[in-house]
């Protein structure tokens, strides 16, 4: 169950990152509430995952999901560069997160 919590934490981290951009464009109550909710749920699920997973593994996987997910969402929703090397490095981050799961 800890890995499910960790993936949920990463997905909510992605939501929080997306909402930072939304907040910068539309400074309204809905944007700030979604931003706070995204990061709050992310930290909550990360805390649940870290009850049984090693801190280093949990943190690395969480940041990997958040960082690569943020980059992917930027490409999808905000027209950020889809350069082949950028995609390769995102895949390397995700591959590293999967590798940490396999060895823990």
Protein backbone atom coordinates (compact mmCIF):
# COMPACT_ATOMS: atom_id res chain seq x y z
CA UNK A 1 0.00 0.00 0.00
CA UNK A 2 2.94 2.33 0.62
CA UNK A 3 3.81 2.37 -3.08
CA UNK A 4 0.23 3.35 -3.92
CA UNK A 5 0.49 6.19 -1.40
CA UNK A 6 3.78 7.25 -2.95
CA UNK A 7 2.36 7.33 -6.48
CA UNK A 8 -0.63 9.32 -5.20
CA UNK A 9 1.80 11.75 -3.52
CA UNK A 10 3.62 12.18 -6.82
CA UNK A 11 0.39 12.79 -8.73
CA UNK A 12 -0.74 15.42 -6.24
CA UNK A 13 2.73 16.98 -6.48
CA UNK A 14 2.13 17.30 -10.23
CA UNK A 15 -1.21 18.94 -9.50
CA UNK A 16 0.47 21.41 -7.15
CA UNK A 17 3.08 22.32 -9.76
CA UNK A 18 0.37 22.81 -12.38
CA UNK A 19 -1.55 25.03 -9.98
CA UNK A 20 1.52 27.23 -9.36
CA UNK A 21 1.39 28.16 -13.04
CA UNK A 22 -2.39 28.65 -12.85
CA UNK A 23 -1.97 30.89 -9.78
CA UNK A 24 0.59 33.00 -11.64
CA UNK A 25 -1.93 33.54 -14.48
CA UNK A 26 -5.20 33.78 -12.52
CA UNK A 27 -4.78 35.10 -9.00
CA UNK A 28 -8.09 33.98 -7.60
CA UNK A 29 -9.35 31.95 -4.65
CA UNK A 30 -9.92 28.78 -6.68
CA UNK A 31 -6.32 28.74 -7.93
CA UNK A 32 -4.78 29.17 -4.49
CA UNK A 33 -7.09 26.60 -2.91
CA UNK A 34 -6.20 24.02 -5.59
CA UNK A 35 -2.50 24.82 -5.15
CA UNK A 36 -2.66 24.34 -1.38
CA UNK A 37 -4.80 21.21 -1.75
CA UNK A 38 -2.39 19.67 -4.28
CA UNK A 39 0.70 20.17 -2.16
CA UNK A 40 -1.12 19.37 1.09
CA UNK A 41 -2.38 16.04 -0.24
CA UNK A 42 1.05 15.36 -1.74
CA UNK A 43 2.80 15.79 1.62
CA UNK A 44 0.08 13.78 3.37
CA UNK A 45 0.43 10.80 1.05
CA UNK A 46 4.24 11.07 1.17
CA UNK A 47 4.05 10.91 4.96
CA UNK A 48 1.90 7.77 4.78
CA UNK A 49 4.31 6.14 2.32
CA UNK A 50 7.30 6.91 4.51
CA UNK A 51 5.86 4.90 7.39
CA UNK A 52 7.24 1.77 5.74
CA UNK A 53 9.44 2.92 2.83
CA UNK A 54 12.99 4.18 3.40
CA UNK A 55 13.15 7.99 3.41
CA UNK A 56 15.73 8.21 0.61
CA UNK A 57 13.77 5.94 -1.71
CA UNK A 58 10.42 7.59 -1.00
CA UNK A 59 11.78 11.10 -1.46
CA UNK A 60 13.64 10.24 -4.67
CA UNK A 61 10.62 8.57 -6.25
CA UNK A 62 8.30 11.39 -5.12
CA UNK A 63 10.52 14.11 -6.56
CA UNK A 64 11.05 12.07 -9.73
CA UNK A 65 7.33 11.77 -10.34
CA UNK A 66 6.78 15.44 -9.52
CA UNK A 67 9.66 16.76 -11.63
CA UNK A 68 9.09 14.60 -14.69
CA UNK A 69 5.32 14.97 -14.40
CA UNK A 70 5.65 18.75 -14.19
CA UNK A 71 7.83 18.77 -17.30
CA UNK A 72 5.37 16.53 -19.18
CA UNK A 73 2.39 18.68 -18.14
CA UNK A 74 4.29 21.76 -19.30
CA UNK A 75 4.72 20.16 -22.72
CA UNK A 76 1.06 19.15 -22.92
CA UNK A 77 -0.66 22.25 -21.55
CA UNK A 78 1.81 25.11 -22.01
CA UNK A 79 3.62 24.35 -25.25
CA UNK A 80 7.01 23.82 -23.65
CA UNK A 81 9.78 22.30 -25.75
CA UNK A 82 9.38 18.66 -26.80
CA UNK A 83 13.01 18.30 -27.73
CA UNK A 84 14.08 14.65 -28.05
CA UNK A 85 16.89 15.06 -25.51
CA UNK A 86 14.48 16.56 -23.00
CA UNK A 87 12.23 13.51 -23.37
CA UNK A 88 15.24 11.18 -22.99
CA UNK A 89 16.22 12.85 -19.71
CA UNK A 90 12.65 12.71 -18.41
CA UNK A 91 12.64 8.98 -19.22
CA UNK A 92 15.92 8.62 -17.31
CA UNK A 93 14.37 10.24 -14.22
CA UNK A 94 11.37 7.91 -14.42
CA UNK A 95 13.64 4.92 -15.06
CA UNK A 96 15.64 5.80 -11.95
CA UNK A 97 12.44 5.91 -9.88
CA UNK A 98 11.44 2.47 -11.17
CA UNK A 99 14.95 1.20 -10.42
CA UNK A 100 14.69 2.39 -6.83
CA UNK A 101 11.46 0.45 -6.44
CA UNK A 102 13.06 -2.68 -7.84
CA UNK A 103 15.98 -2.59 -5.41
CA UNK A 104 14.01 -1.67 -2.28
